[in-house]
Amino acid sequence: MRYKSIILFLISTLFLVACTGESVEEQMYQHMEESVRLESEFVAQQEPLSELERKEQEIYQEISELSVEEFDQIKELADLAIESIEQRKELIEAELSSIENSKKEFDKITPLVEGLVDEELKAVAIELLDMMEERYQAYLTLHEAYQTSLNYDTELYELLKKEDLEEPEFTEQIEKVNGQYQVIIDSNGAFNDATESFNSMKREFYNLTDLNITYN
């Protein structure tokens, strides 16, 4: 299965006090919260991805309960699973695009950091940039792991369509699939950890500013 309990950006915030002019902190806030909005497409992919995964699990279960005499039905189900995998590929590309757009928006705070007067606030902002980069790289690793998993899943269903499939070949592919699932679990853990650290530092940054921030 795919990555579970993904921790997204810090819950959206609301800037309560309207000011006549935008300070550096306010400009940074605008970019940081726009990056949250841009990541909403990433959030939107999670449920359809999970639904496709559940569908494929059911298909695999159906296949496992069929005999070799029902090979035509096995092929038909395998094709359905491959079609579902192709849909997942499209969804994770939309997910990647969302993450990339969010990261680009967040990076707009980089030239603003030097304008911060408070040294403690500046230090936290620099660390926040580093944490965002770490989170982004963790996501790319996770994305790559998931892409590989999709390819292995496709290979598995292509094998199931072979009438002369031998047990050792099938077992080897199952081991590849299961091994890659573990890679996804580990990569997801790293992504979640990076996100938690980022969220914590983002909250600290806001708390150090004079902005009147509330968390939704």
N, C-alpha and C. Protein backbone atom coordinates (compact mmCIF):
# COMPACT_ATOMS: atom_id res chain seq x y z
N MET A 1 0.83 -1.20 0.00
CA MET A 1 0.00 0.00 0.00
C MET A 1 0.87 1.26 0.00
N ARG A 2 0.26 2.34 -0.36
CA ARG A 2 0.95 3.60 -0.49
C ARG A 2 1.26 4.19 0.88
N TYR A 3 1.76 5.40 0.88
CA TYR A 3 2.11 6.02 2.14
C TYR A 3 0.89 6.43 2.93
N LYS A 4 0.90 6.08 4.19
CA LYS A 4 -0.23 6.35 5.07
C LYS A 4 0.10 7.48 6.04
N SER A 5 -0.95 8.11 6.53
CA SER A 5 -0.82 9.17 7.54
C SER A 5 0.17 10.24 7.11
N ILE A 6 0.04 10.67 5.87
CA ILE A 6 0.90 11.74 5.39
C ILE A 6 0.61 13.01 6.18
N ILE A 7 1.66 13.61 6.68
CA ILE A 7 1.51 14.87 7.40
C ILE A 7 1.73 15.98 6.38
N LEU A 8 0.76 16.83 6.20
CA LEU A 8 0.88 17.89 5.21
C LEU A 8 1.44 19.14 5.87
N PHE A 9 1.25 20.27 5.21
CA PHE A 9 1.71 21.51 5.81
C PHE A 9 0.98 21.76 7.13
N LEU A 10 1.56 22.63 7.91
CA LEU A 10 0.89 23.07 9.14
C LEU A 10 -0.51 23.55 8.79
N ILE A 11 -1.45 23.26 9.64
CA ILE A 11 -2.81 23.72 9.39
C ILE A 11 -2.81 25.21 9.03
N SER A 12 -3.68 25.57 8.14
CA SER A 12 -3.67 26.93 7.62
C SER A 12 -3.82 27.95 8.74
N THR A 13 -3.23 29.09 8.50
CA THR A 13 -3.24 30.14 9.52
C THR A 13 -4.01 31.35 9.00
N LEU A 14 -4.35 32.21 9.92
CA LEU A 14 -5.08 33.43 9.57
C LEU A 14 -4.38 34.62 10.22
N PHE A 15 -4.07 35.59 9.40
CA PHE A 15 -3.45 36.83 9.87
C PHE A 15 -4.57 37.78 10.26
N LEU A 16 -4.69 38.05 11.54
CA LEU A 16 -5.88 38.73 12.05
C LEU A 16 -5.84 40.24 11.97
N VAL A 17 -4.65 40.80 11.94
CA VAL A 17 -4.55 42.26 12.01
C VAL A 17 -4.19 42.82 10.64
N ALA A 18 -5.03 43.70 10.14
CA ALA A 18 -4.74 44.35 8.87
C ALA A 18 -3.85 45.56 9.13
N CYS A 19 -2.79 45.68 8.32
CA CYS A 19 -1.87 46.79 8.51
C CYS A 19 -1.85 47.65 7.25
N THR A 20 -1.43 48.87 7.40
CA THR A 20 -1.43 49.78 6.27
C THR A 20 -0.31 49.46 5.29
N GLY A 21 0.82 48.98 5.79
CA GLY A 21 1.94 48.63 4.92
C GLY A 21 2.44 47.24 5.26
N GLU A 22 3.03 46.58 4.27
CA GLU A 22 3.50 45.22 4.51
C GLU A 22 4.93 45.21 5.01
N SER A 23 5.14 44.67 6.19
CA SER A 23 6.49 44.49 6.71
C SER A 23 7.10 43.27 6.03
N VAL A 24 8.39 43.05 6.27
CA VAL A 24 9.07 41.86 5.72
C VAL A 24 8.38 40.60 6.22
N GLU A 25 8.05 40.58 7.50
CA GLU A 25 7.39 39.42 8.07
C GLU A 25 6.05 39.14 7.39
N GLU A 26 5.30 40.21 7.09
CA GLU A 26 4.00 40.05 6.43
C GLU A 26 4.17 39.52 5.01
N GLN A 27 5.19 40.01 4.31
CA GLN A 27 5.46 39.51 2.96
C GLN A 27 5.82 38.02 3.00
N MET A 28 6.61 37.64 3.99
CA MET A 28 6.98 36.23 4.14
C MET A 28 5.76 35.39 4.45
N TYR A 29 4.91 35.93 5.31
CA TYR A 29 3.68 35.22 5.64
C TYR A 29 2.85 34.94 4.39
N GLN A 30 2.72 35.95 3.54
CA GLN A 30 1.91 35.78 2.33
C GLN A 30 2.45 34.65 1.45
N HIS A 31 3.75 34.60 1.27
CA HIS A 31 4.34 33.54 0.44
C HIS A 31 4.21 32.17 1.11
N MET A 32 4.41 32.14 2.41
CA MET A 32 4.35 30.85 3.12
C MET A 32 2.95 30.27 3.09
N GLU A 33 1.94 31.13 3.25
CA GLU A 33 0.58 30.61 3.25
C GLU A 33 0.06 30.34 1.84
N GLU A 34 0.59 31.06 0.85
CA GLU A 34 0.24 30.74 -0.53
C GLU A 34 0.81 29.36 -0.90
N SER A 35 1.97 29.04 -0.34
CA SER A 35 2.55 27.72 -0.60
C SER A 35 1.67 26.62 -0.02
N VAL A 36 1.00 26.90 1.10
CA VAL A 36 0.05 25.95 1.67
C VAL A 36 -1.12 25.74 0.70
N ARG A 37 -1.62 26.85 0.17
CA ARG A 37 -2.74 26.76 -0.77
C ARG A 37 -2.35 25.96 -2.01
N LEU A 38 -1.15 26.19 -2.52
CA LEU A 38 -0.71 25.50 -3.72
C LEU A 38 -0.51 24.01 -3.50
N GLU A 39 -0.32 23.62 -2.24
CA GLU A 39 -0.15 22.20 -1.95
C GLU A 39 -1.50 21.50 -1.80
N SER A 40 -2.58 22.24 -1.92
CA SER A 40 -3.90 21.63 -1.77
C SER A 40 -4.17 20.57 -2.83
N GLU A 41 -3.56 20.71 -4.00
CA GLU A 41 -3.73 19.72 -5.06
C GLU A 41 -3.09 18.39 -4.64
N PHE A 42 -2.00 18.50 -3.90
CA PHE A 42 -1.34 17.32 -3.34
C PHE A 42 -2.30 16.60 -2.40
N VAL A 43 -2.95 17.38 -1.56
CA VAL A 43 -3.92 16.82 -0.62
C VAL A 43 -5.05 16.12 -1.37
N ALA A 44 -5.49 16.76 -2.46
CA ALA A 44 -6.65 16.26 -3.21
C ALA A 44 -6.39 14.90 -3.85
N GLN A 45 -5.12 14.55 -4.07
CA GLN A 45 -4.81 13.28 -4.73
C GLN A 45 -4.89 12.08 -3.78
N GLN A 46 -4.87 12.33 -2.48
CA GLN A 46 -4.72 11.24 -1.53
C GLN A 46 -5.90 10.27 -1.51
N GLU A 47 -7.12 10.79 -1.52
CA GLU A 47 -8.27 9.89 -1.45
C GLU A 47 -8.43 9.06 -2.72
N PRO A 48 -8.36 9.67 -3.92
CA PRO A 48 -8.47 8.84 -5.13
C PRO A 48 -7.34 7.81 -5.24
N LEU A 49 -6.16 8.16 -4.79
CA LEU A 49 -5.06 7.19 -4.81
C LEU A 49 -5.36 6.02 -3.88
N SER A 50 -5.84 6.32 -2.70
CA SER A 50 -6.17 5.26 -1.75
C SER A 50 -7.29 4.38 -2.29
N GLU A 51 -8.26 5.00 -2.96
CA GLU A 51 -9.37 4.25 -3.52
C GLU A 51 -8.90 3.30 -4.62
N LEU A 52 -8.00 3.76 -5.46
CA LEU A 52 -7.43 2.90 -6.51
C LEU A 52 -6.63 1.75 -5.90
N GLU A 53 -5.91 2.04 -4.84
CA GLU A 53 -5.15 0.98 -4.17
C GLU A 53 -6.08 -0.09 -3.61
N ARG A 54 -7.18 0.35 -3.00
CA ARG A 54 -8.14 -0.62 -2.46
C ARG A 54 -8.74 -1.47 -3.58
N LYS A 55 -9.01 -0.82 -4.69
CA LYS A 55 -9.55 -1.52 -5.85
C LYS A 55 -8.58 -2.59 -6.34
N GLU A 56 -7.31 -2.24 -6.41
CA GLU A 56 -6.30 -3.19 -6.88
C GLU A 56 -6.11 -4.35 -5.90
N GLN A 57 -6.21 -4.06 -4.63
CA GLN A 57 -6.14 -5.14 -3.64
C GLN A 57 -7.27 -6.14 -3.85
N GLU A 58 -8.45 -5.62 -4.12
CA GLU A 58 -9.60 -6.50 -4.36
C GLU A 58 -9.40 -7.33 -5.62
N ILE A 59 -8.84 -6.71 -6.65
CA ILE A 59 -8.58 -7.42 -7.90
C ILE A 59 -7.57 -8.54 -7.67
N TYR A 60 -6.50 -8.22 -6.93
CA TYR A 60 -5.49 -9.24 -6.67
C TYR A 60 -6.08 -10.40 -5.88
N GLN A 61 -6.94 -10.07 -4.92
CA GLN A 61 -7.58 -11.12 -4.13
C GLN A 61 -8.45 -12.01 -5.02
N GLU A 62 -9.16 -11.38 -5.95
CA GLU A 62 -9.98 -12.16 -6.88
C GLU A 62 -9.12 -13.09 -7.72
N ILE A 63 -8.02 -12.57 -8.21
CA ILE A 63 -7.12 -13.38 -9.04
C ILE A 63 -6.58 -14.57 -8.25
N SER A 64 -6.21 -14.32 -7.00
CA SER A 64 -5.62 -15.38 -6.18
C SER A 64 -6.60 -16.52 -5.90
N GLU A 65 -7.89 -16.23 -6.05
CA GLU A 65 -8.91 -17.25 -5.78
C GLU A 65 -9.33 -18.01 -7.04
N LEU A 66 -8.75 -17.64 -8.17
CA LEU A 66 -9.08 -18.31 -9.43
C LEU A 66 -8.10 -19.44 -9.72
N SER A 67 -8.57 -20.40 -10.48
CA SER A 67 -7.72 -21.53 -10.88
C SER A 67 -7.15 -21.28 -12.27
N VAL A 68 -6.19 -22.10 -12.67
CA VAL A 68 -5.58 -21.96 -14.00
C VAL A 68 -6.60 -22.17 -15.10
N GLU A 69 -7.64 -22.91 -14.81
CA GLU A 69 -8.70 -23.14 -15.79
C GLU A 69 -9.50 -21.86 -16.08
N GLU A 70 -9.35 -20.89 -15.23
CA GLU A 70 -10.07 -19.62 -15.40
C GLU A 70 -9.10 -18.53 -15.87
N PHE A 71 -8.18 -18.90 -16.74
CA PHE A 71 -7.11 -18.01 -17.17
C PHE A 71 -7.64 -16.75 -17.87
N ASP A 72 -8.67 -16.89 -18.68
CA ASP A 72 -9.22 -15.73 -19.37
C ASP A 72 -9.71 -14.68 -18.39
N GLN A 73 -10.30 -15.13 -17.29
CA GLN A 73 -10.77 -14.19 -16.27
C GLN A 73 -9.60 -13.54 -15.55
N ILE A 74 -8.54 -14.33 -15.34
CA ILE A 74 -7.33 -13.79 -14.71
C ILE A 74 -6.74 -12.67 -15.57
N LYS A 75 -6.66 -12.91 -16.88
CA LYS A 75 -6.14 -11.89 -17.80
C LYS A 75 -6.99 -10.62 -17.77
N GLU A 76 -8.28 -10.80 -17.75
CA GLU A 76 -9.19 -9.66 -17.73
C GLU A 76 -9.00 -8.84 -16.47
N LEU A 77 -8.88 -9.52 -15.33
CA LEU A 77 -8.67 -8.82 -14.06
C LEU A 77 -7.30 -8.14 -14.02
N ALA A 78 -6.29 -8.80 -14.57
CA ALA A 78 -4.95 -8.22 -14.60
C ALA A 78 -4.94 -6.95 -15.42
N ASP A 79 -5.66 -6.94 -16.52
CA ASP A 79 -5.75 -5.73 -17.35
C ASP A 79 -6.44 -4.60 -16.59
N LEU A 80 -7.45 -4.92 -15.81
CA LEU A 80 -8.12 -3.92 -15.00
C LEU A 80 -7.15 -3.31 -13.97
N ALA A 81 -6.34 -4.17 -13.38
CA ALA A 81 -5.36 -3.69 -12.39
C ALA A 81 -4.33 -2.78 -13.05
N ILE A 82 -3.87 -3.15 -14.23
CA ILE A 82 -2.89 -2.33 -14.95
C ILE A 82 -3.49 -0.97 -15.32
N GLU A 83 -4.74 -0.98 -15.71
CA GLU A 83 -5.43 0.28 -16.01
C GLU A 83 -5.51 1.16 -14.77
N SER A 84 -5.77 0.56 -13.63
CA SER A 84 -5.82 1.31 -12.37
C SER A 84 -4.45 1.88 -12.02
N ILE A 85 -3.41 1.11 -12.27
CA ILE A 85 -2.04 1.57 -12.00
C ILE A 85 -1.72 2.79 -12.86
N GLU A 86 -2.15 2.77 -14.11
CA GLU A 86 -1.92 3.91 -15.00
C GLU A 86 -2.62 5.17 -14.46
N GLN A 87 -3.78 4.98 -13.89
CA GLN A 87 -4.49 6.11 -13.28
C GLN A 87 -3.72 6.65 -12.09
N ARG A 88 -3.14 5.75 -11.32
CA ARG A 88 -2.34 6.20 -10.18
C ARG A 88 -1.11 6.98 -10.64
N LYS A 89 -0.52 6.57 -11.75
CA LYS A 89 0.64 7.30 -12.28
C LYS A 89 0.26 8.74 -12.60
N GLU A 90 -0.91 8.93 -13.17
CA GLU A 90 -1.36 10.29 -13.50
C GLU A 90 -1.58 11.11 -12.23
N LEU A 91 -2.12 10.47 -11.22
CA LEU A 91 -2.39 11.19 -9.97
C LEU A 91 -1.11 11.60 -9.25
N ILE A 92 -0.11 10.73 -9.26
CA ILE A 92 1.12 11.11 -8.54
C ILE A 92 1.91 12.16 -9.31
N GLU A 93 1.69 12.26 -10.62
CA GLU A 93 2.33 13.36 -11.36
C GLU A 93 1.66 14.68 -11.01
N ALA A 94 0.35 14.67 -10.83
CA ALA A 94 -0.36 15.87 -10.38
C ALA A 94 0.10 16.24 -8.97
N GLU A 95 0.32 15.24 -8.15
CA GLU A 95 0.79 15.44 -6.79
C GLU A 95 2.17 16.10 -6.81
N LEU A 96 3.06 15.58 -7.65
CA LEU A 96 4.41 16.12 -7.77
C LEU A 96 4.38 17.58 -8.21
N SER A 97 3.55 17.88 -9.19
CA SER A 97 3.43 19.25 -9.69
C SER A 97 2.99 20.19 -8.58
N SER A 98 2.06 19.75 -7.75
CA SER A 98 1.58 20.56 -6.63
C SER A 98 2.69 20.84 -5.63
N ILE A 99 3.46 19.83 -5.30
CA ILE A 99 4.57 19.99 -4.36
C ILE A 99 5.61 20.95 -4.92
N GLU A 100 5.91 20.80 -6.20
CA GLU A 100 6.91 21.67 -6.83
C GLU A 100 6.46 23.13 -6.85
N ASN A 101 5.20 23.37 -7.19
CA ASN A 101 4.67 24.73 -7.20
C ASN A 101 4.68 25.34 -5.81
N SER A 102 4.33 24.53 -4.82
CA SER A 102 4.34 24.99 -3.44
C SER A 102 5.75 25.36 -3.00
N LYS A 103 6.71 24.53 -3.36
CA LYS A 103 8.11 24.79 -3.00
C LYS A 103 8.62 26.07 -3.66
N LYS A 104 8.30 26.28 -4.92
CA LYS A 104 8.73 27.49 -5.63
C LYS A 104 8.18 28.75 -4.96
N GLU A 105 6.92 28.67 -4.54
CA GLU A 105 6.31 29.82 -3.87
C GLU A 105 6.99 30.07 -2.53
N PHE A 106 7.24 29.00 -1.77
CA PHE A 106 7.88 29.15 -0.48
C PHE A 106 9.28 29.76 -0.62
N ASP A 107 9.99 29.37 -1.66
CA ASP A 107 11.36 29.86 -1.86
C ASP A 107 11.42 31.36 -2.11
N LYS A 108 10.29 31.97 -2.38
CA LYS A 108 10.26 33.42 -2.59
C LYS A 108 10.58 34.19 -1.31
N ILE A 109 10.56 33.51 -0.17
CA ILE A 109 10.93 34.20 1.07
C ILE A 109 12.45 34.35 1.20
N THR A 110 13.21 33.60 0.39
CA THR A 110 14.67 33.61 0.52
C THR A 110 15.27 35.01 0.46
N PRO A 111 14.95 35.82 -0.56
CA PRO A 111 15.55 37.16 -0.60
C PRO A 111 15.02 38.10 0.48
N LEU A 112 13.93 37.72 1.11
CA LEU A 112 13.35 38.58 2.14
C LEU A 112 14.01 38.40 3.50
N VAL A 113 14.65 37.25 3.69
CA VAL A 113 15.21 36.91 5.01
C VAL A 113 16.22 37.96 5.48
N GLU A 114 17.06 38.44 4.55
CA GLU A 114 18.08 39.42 4.93
C GLU A 114 17.47 40.73 5.43
N GLY A 115 16.21 40.96 5.11
CA GLY A 115 15.54 42.18 5.56
C GLY A 115 15.01 42.09 6.97
N LEU A 116 15.11 40.93 7.59
CA LEU A 116 14.66 40.78 8.97
C LEU A 116 15.63 41.44 9.92
N VAL A 117 15.14 42.25 10.79
CA VAL A 117 15.99 43.00 11.72
C VAL A 117 16.38 42.15 12.93
N ASP A 118 15.40 41.42 13.45
CA ASP A 118 15.64 40.60 14.64
C ASP A 118 16.52 39.40 14.26
N GLU A 119 17.66 39.26 14.92
CA GLU A 119 18.62 38.21 14.59
C GLU A 119 18.09 36.80 14.90
N GLU A 120 17.35 36.70 15.99
CA GLU A 120 16.78 35.39 16.34
C GLU A 120 15.76 34.97 15.28
N LEU A 121 14.94 35.92 14.88
CA LEU A 121 13.94 35.64 13.86
C LEU A 121 14.61 35.26 12.54
N LYS A 122 15.68 35.96 12.20
CA LYS A 122 16.41 35.66 10.97
C LYS A 122 17.00 34.26 11.01
N ALA A 123 17.55 33.88 12.16
CA ALA A 123 18.14 32.54 12.31
C ALA A 123 17.07 31.45 12.13
N VAL A 124 15.89 31.69 12.70
CA VAL A 124 14.80 30.72 12.57
C VAL A 124 14.34 30.66 11.11
N ALA A 125 14.29 31.79 10.44
CA ALA A 125 13.88 31.82 9.04
C ALA A 125 14.84 31.03 8.16
N ILE A 126 16.13 31.17 8.42
CA ILE A 126 17.14 30.42 7.66
C ILE A 126 16.98 28.93 7.89
N GLU A 127 16.75 28.57 9.14
CA GLU A 127 16.53 27.16 9.46
C GLU A 127 15.26 26.64 8.80
N LEU A 128 14.26 27.48 8.73
CA LEU A 128 13.00 27.11 8.10
C LEU A 128 13.21 26.82 6.62
N LEU A 129 14.02 27.61 5.95
CA LEU A 129 14.35 27.37 4.55
C LEU A 129 15.05 26.04 4.38
N ASP A 130 15.99 25.75 5.28
CA ASP A 130 16.71 24.47 5.22
C ASP A 130 15.76 23.29 5.43
N MET A 131 14.82 23.46 6.34
CA MET A 131 13.88 22.39 6.63
C MET A 131 12.93 22.15 5.46
N MET A 132 12.54 23.23 4.79
CA MET A 132 11.69 23.07 3.61
C MET A 132 12.43 22.30 2.53
N GLU A 133 13.69 22.61 2.34
CA GLU A 133 14.49 21.89 1.34
C GLU A 133 14.61 20.42 1.71
N GLU A 134 14.82 20.14 2.99
CA GLU A 134 14.91 18.75 3.45
C GLU A 134 13.59 18.02 3.20
N ARG A 135 12.48 18.70 3.48
CA ARG A 135 11.17 18.09 3.25
C ARG A 135 10.94 17.82 1.77
N TYR A 136 11.33 18.78 0.93
CA TYR A 136 11.15 18.63 -0.51
C TYR A 136 11.97 17.45 -1.04
N GLN A 137 13.21 17.32 -0.60
CA GLN A 137 14.05 16.21 -1.04
C GLN A 137 13.49 14.88 -0.54
N ALA A 138 12.95 14.89 0.67
CA ALA A 138 12.33 13.67 1.21
C ALA A 138 11.13 13.27 0.37
N TYR A 139 10.36 14.26 -0.08
CA TYR A 139 9.22 13.95 -0.94
C TYR A 139 9.68 13.37 -2.27
N LEU A 140 10.72 13.95 -2.87
CA LEU A 140 11.22 13.45 -4.15
C LEU A 140 11.66 11.99 -4.03
N THR A 141 12.28 11.66 -2.91
CA THR A 141 12.69 10.27 -2.67
C THR A 141 11.47 9.37 -2.57
N LEU A 142 10.46 9.85 -1.86
CA LEU A 142 9.22 9.10 -1.72
C LEU A 142 8.52 8.93 -3.06
N HIS A 143 8.48 9.98 -3.83
CA HIS A 143 7.84 9.94 -5.15
C HIS A 143 8.53 8.92 -6.05
N GLU A 144 9.84 8.94 -6.05
CA GLU A 144 10.62 7.98 -6.86
C GLU A 144 10.35 6.55 -6.41
N ALA A 145 10.29 6.36 -5.10
CA ALA A 145 10.03 5.01 -4.57
C ALA A 145 8.65 4.52 -5.00
N TYR A 146 7.70 5.43 -5.00
CA TYR A 146 6.34 5.05 -5.39
C TYR A 146 6.25 4.76 -6.88
N GLN A 147 6.97 5.54 -7.69
CA GLN A 147 7.01 5.28 -9.13
C GLN A 147 7.57 3.88 -9.40
N THR A 148 8.64 3.54 -8.71
CA THR A 148 9.25 2.21 -8.88
C THR A 148 8.26 1.13 -8.48
N SER A 149 7.53 1.38 -7.39
CA SER A 149 6.53 0.42 -6.93
C SER A 149 5.45 0.20 -7.98
N LEU A 150 5.02 1.27 -8.62
CA LEU A 150 4.01 1.16 -9.67
C LEU A 150 4.52 0.31 -10.83
N ASN A 151 5.78 0.50 -11.18
CA ASN A 151 6.36 -0.29 -12.26
C ASN A 151 6.43 -1.77 -11.89
N TYR A 152 6.80 -2.04 -10.64
CA TYR A 152 6.85 -3.44 -10.18
C TYR A 152 5.46 -4.07 -10.17
N ASP A 153 4.46 -3.27 -9.76
CA ASP A 153 3.08 -3.77 -9.76
C ASP A 153 2.63 -4.12 -11.18
N THR A 154 2.96 -3.25 -12.12
CA THR A 154 2.61 -3.52 -13.52
C THR A 154 3.26 -4.80 -14.02
N GLU A 155 4.54 -4.95 -13.69
CA GLU A 155 5.26 -6.16 -14.09
C GLU A 155 4.61 -7.42 -13.52
N LEU A 156 4.13 -7.30 -12.29
CA LEU A 156 3.48 -8.44 -11.66
C LEU A 156 2.22 -8.85 -12.42
N TYR A 157 1.40 -7.87 -12.76
CA TYR A 157 0.15 -8.20 -13.47
C TYR A 157 0.41 -8.65 -14.90
N GLU A 158 1.48 -8.17 -15.50
CA GLU A 158 1.85 -8.67 -16.83
C GLU A 158 2.27 -10.14 -16.74
N LEU A 159 2.95 -10.48 -15.66
CA LEU A 159 3.33 -11.88 -15.46
C LEU A 159 2.10 -12.77 -15.30
N LEU A 160 1.12 -12.27 -14.58
CA LEU A 160 -0.09 -13.05 -14.34
C LEU A 160 -0.86 -13.31 -15.62
N LYS A 161 -0.56 -12.56 -16.65
CA LYS A 161 -1.22 -12.75 -17.94
C LYS A 161 -0.49 -13.80 -18.80
N LYS A 162 0.61 -14.32 -18.28
CA LYS A 162 1.36 -15.34 -19.00
C LYS A 162 0.80 -16.72 -18.67
N GLU A 163 0.39 -17.43 -19.68
CA GLU A 163 -0.20 -18.75 -19.46
C GLU A 163 0.83 -19.77 -19.00
N ASP A 164 2.10 -19.54 -19.36
CA ASP A 164 3.17 -20.47 -19.00
C ASP A 164 4.01 -19.95 -17.83
N LEU A 165 3.41 -19.12 -16.99
CA LEU A 165 4.13 -18.53 -15.85
C LEU A 165 4.64 -19.62 -14.92
N GLU A 166 5.94 -19.52 -14.58
CA GLU A 166 6.57 -20.47 -13.67
C GLU A 166 6.60 -19.89 -12.26
N GLU A 167 6.49 -20.75 -11.27
CA GLU A 167 6.46 -20.33 -9.87
C GLU A 167 7.66 -19.48 -9.45
N PRO A 168 8.91 -19.87 -9.83
CA PRO A 168 10.07 -19.07 -9.40
C PRO A 168 10.01 -17.63 -9.92
N GLU A 169 9.55 -17.45 -11.16
CA GLU A 169 9.46 -16.11 -11.73
C GLU A 169 8.42 -15.28 -10.99
N PHE A 170 7.30 -15.91 -10.66
CA PHE A 170 6.25 -15.21 -9.92
C PHE A 170 6.73 -14.84 -8.52
N THR A 171 7.39 -15.77 -7.84
CA THR A 171 7.89 -15.53 -6.49
C THR A 171 8.90 -14.40 -6.46
N GLU A 172 9.78 -14.38 -7.46
CA GLU A 172 10.81 -13.32 -7.54
C GLU A 172 10.16 -11.95 -7.67
N GLN A 173 9.10 -11.87 -8.49
CA GLN A 173 8.42 -10.58 -8.68
C GLN A 173 7.68 -10.15 -7.42
N ILE A 174 7.07 -11.10 -6.75
CA ILE A 174 6.38 -10.79 -5.49
C ILE A 174 7.37 -10.22 -4.47
N GLU A 175 8.57 -10.78 -4.43
CA GLU A 175 9.59 -10.30 -3.50
C GLU A 175 10.01 -8.88 -3.86
N LYS A 176 10.11 -8.57 -5.14
CA LYS A 176 10.44 -7.21 -5.57
C LYS A 176 9.34 -6.24 -5.14
N VAL A 177 8.09 -6.63 -5.36
CA VAL A 177 6.96 -5.78 -4.99
C VAL A 177 6.95 -5.52 -3.49
N ASN A 178 7.07 -6.56 -2.71
CA ASN A 178 7.04 -6.41 -1.25
C ASN A 178 8.22 -5.61 -0.72
N GLY A 179 9.39 -5.84 -1.33
CA GLY A 179 10.58 -5.10 -0.92
C GLY A 179 10.43 -3.60 -1.19
N GLN A 180 9.81 -3.28 -2.31
CA GLN A 180 9.62 -1.86 -2.65
C GLN A 180 8.59 -1.21 -1.75
N TYR A 181 7.59 -1.97 -1.31
CA TYR A 181 6.62 -1.43 -0.36
C TYR A 181 7.32 -0.99 0.92
N GLN A 182 8.33 -1.75 1.36
CA GLN A 182 9.07 -1.39 2.56
C GLN A 182 9.86 -0.10 2.33
N VAL A 183 10.40 0.05 1.12
CA VAL A 183 11.12 1.28 0.77
C VAL A 183 10.17 2.48 0.88
N ILE A 184 8.93 2.30 0.42
CA ILE A 184 7.94 3.35 0.50
C ILE A 184 7.63 3.71 1.96
N ILE A 185 7.47 2.70 2.77
CA ILE A 185 7.19 2.93 4.20
C ILE A 185 8.31 3.74 4.84
N ASP A 186 9.56 3.36 4.55
CA ASP A 186 10.71 4.07 5.12
C ASP A 186 10.79 5.51 4.60
N SER A 187 10.56 5.67 3.30
CA SER A 187 10.62 7.00 2.69
C SER A 187 9.51 7.89 3.22
N ASN A 188 8.35 7.29 3.43
CA ASN A 188 7.23 8.04 3.98
C ASN A 188 7.52 8.52 5.40
N GLY A 189 8.17 7.66 6.16
CA GLY A 189 8.55 8.04 7.52
C GLY A 189 9.48 9.24 7.53
N ALA A 190 10.44 9.25 6.60
CA ALA A 190 11.37 10.37 6.50
C ALA A 190 10.65 11.65 6.09
N PHE A 191 9.69 11.52 5.17
CA PHE A 191 8.91 12.68 4.74
C PHE A 191 8.06 13.23 5.88
N ASN A 192 7.43 12.34 6.61
CA ASN A 192 6.61 12.77 7.76
C ASN A 192 7.46 13.48 8.81
N ASP A 193 8.63 12.90 9.10
CA ASP A 193 9.52 13.50 10.10
C ASP A 193 9.95 14.91 9.66
N ALA A 194 10.30 15.04 8.38
CA ALA A 194 10.73 16.34 7.86
C ALA A 194 9.58 17.35 7.93
N THR A 195 8.36 16.88 7.68
CA THR A 195 7.20 17.76 7.71
C THR A 195 6.90 18.20 9.14
N GLU A 196 7.00 17.29 10.07
CA GLU A 196 6.78 17.64 11.48
C GLU A 196 7.78 18.69 11.95
N SER A 197 9.05 18.50 11.57
CA SER A 197 10.09 19.46 11.96
C SER A 197 9.83 20.82 11.34
N PHE A 198 9.43 20.81 10.08
CA PHE A 198 9.12 22.06 9.40
C PHE A 198 7.95 22.77 10.07
N ASN A 199 6.90 22.02 10.34
CA ASN A 199 5.71 22.62 10.96
C ASN A 199 6.04 23.26 12.30
N SER A 200 6.85 22.56 13.08
CA SER A 200 7.24 23.06 14.39
C SER A 200 8.04 24.36 14.26
N MET A 201 8.98 24.39 13.31
CA MET A 201 9.80 25.58 13.12
C MET A 201 8.98 26.73 12.54
N LYS A 202 8.02 26.41 11.69
CA LYS A 202 7.16 27.45 11.13
C LYS A 202 6.34 28.12 12.23
N ARG A 203 5.83 27.31 13.12
CA ARG A 203 5.07 27.85 14.24
C ARG A 203 5.98 28.74 15.12
N GLU A 204 7.20 28.30 15.34
CA GLU A 204 8.14 29.09 16.14
C GLU A 204 8.42 30.43 15.46
N PHE A 205 8.57 30.40 14.13
CA PHE A 205 8.82 31.64 13.39
C PHE A 205 7.66 32.60 13.58
N TYR A 206 6.45 32.13 13.41
CA TYR A 206 5.28 32.99 13.56
C TYR A 206 5.18 33.54 14.98
N ASN A 207 5.50 32.71 15.96
CA ASN A 207 5.41 33.15 17.35
C ASN A 207 6.41 34.25 17.68
N LEU A 208 7.53 34.28 16.95
CA LEU A 208 8.56 35.29 17.18
C LEU A 208 8.25 36.62 16.50
N THR A 209 7.33 36.61 15.57
CA THR A 209 6.98 37.84 14.86
C THR A 209 5.93 38.63 15.65
N ASP A 210 5.64 39.82 15.16
CA ASP A 210 4.59 40.65 15.76
C ASP A 210 3.25 40.40 15.08
N LEU A 211 3.21 39.43 14.18
CA LEU A 211 1.97 39.13 13.49
C LEU A 211 0.99 38.47 14.45
N ASN A 212 -0.25 38.82 14.31
CA ASN A 212 -1.29 38.24 15.16
C ASN A 212 -1.86 37.04 14.41
N ILE A 213 -1.25 35.87 14.65
CA ILE A 213 -1.59 34.66 13.89
C ILE A 213 -2.46 33.73 14.72
N THR A 214 -3.47 33.21 14.08
CA THR A 214 -4.27 32.16 14.72
C THR A 214 -4.23 30.94 13.80
N TYR A 215 -4.36 29.75 14.41
CA TYR A 215 -4.30 28.51 13.65
C TYR A 215 -5.67 27.91 13.50
N ASN A 216 -6.08 27.67 12.25
CA ASN A 216 -7.41 27.12 11.98
C ASN A 216 -7.49 25.65 12.38
